[in-house]
Amino acid sequence: MSTFILPLQSVPLDNYAPHLINYLPPGATISRLYYDNGVETWTDPISINSPISARESLYANFTVNQKTGEELEPDENGDVDDIIVTYKVVSENKKVVVYYHITVMNSEFNVNFIFDIYYRTIEGGIVVDTPINQSILNDSVIHINLVNFNTDVEVGAVNIPLVKDFLTFTEVIDYNSDVGQLFVAAVAKYISRFSPGLKGFYSMSVSVKNPSLDKSYAYIITFNDQKLNDLEDFNMDGKYFYINGSLR
């Protein structure tokens, strides 16, 4: 019985198969474990001599729980359990069976961003956060923008859970991506999701687009109840967020 963790880069993990079949002993076969309505089932065994089309049975979605088909949500620390896909290799004489339990991680695109949006007021000295669709901003268009950029500091592999400990840099070198999302604040409990995202340095900004409003609005972004800091020293409109590279 063997367990492998494979670091991958720029590979679609929702339809991936490790290249085990290329290294099978002569006459050996391989099959993949999957679940049919919760019941353990194995794909038809194939060998190195099977048609190329037959290898499609070895592909799996490494981004969801194999038994339930549901995406795994991060815990309070932002960690997600490993998703394991099991393969079985049987020798030609059927006397030797080896199981490979494989989990993979994209070493570049390793983060999902999920935003809960609220309208904040202070009433009698008490902070009140109201779902945005139940506030004065109902029916407004909300724009969330994420910019991933490179700096003069190298992205590390150590998890940094505290905003105050995010890496300090002095120069923005260039930009990797600029992604925006628009939605109308009329949907109850709307959750905005960006995935998957690059590791490294981010500028995050939020704006309200409604010509009927007679005032502008400031915004804050929090991560694990910690307020993100401004990036105005670098002529960037947004809050600073940092995510480390793969720990593996």
Foldseek 3Di string as FASTA:
>chain_A
DAEDEAEAAPDQLQWDADPVQVVADPQKWKWWWAADQQHTDIDPTDHNPDDPVSCSRRIHRQQAARRPRHGFAADLQRDTDFHWIKMWMAHNVRPDIDIYIYTYAHQFQHAKDKDQDWDWDADPNRIDTHRCLPDPQAQWKKKKKKWAFDFPDDFAADFDRDQVPPDDGDGTDGTDDMDMDIDGSNDPRDMDMDDRHGAFKMFMDMAIDDVVDPDGDDDWDDRSNHTFDAPVVHVDGGGIDHGHGHND
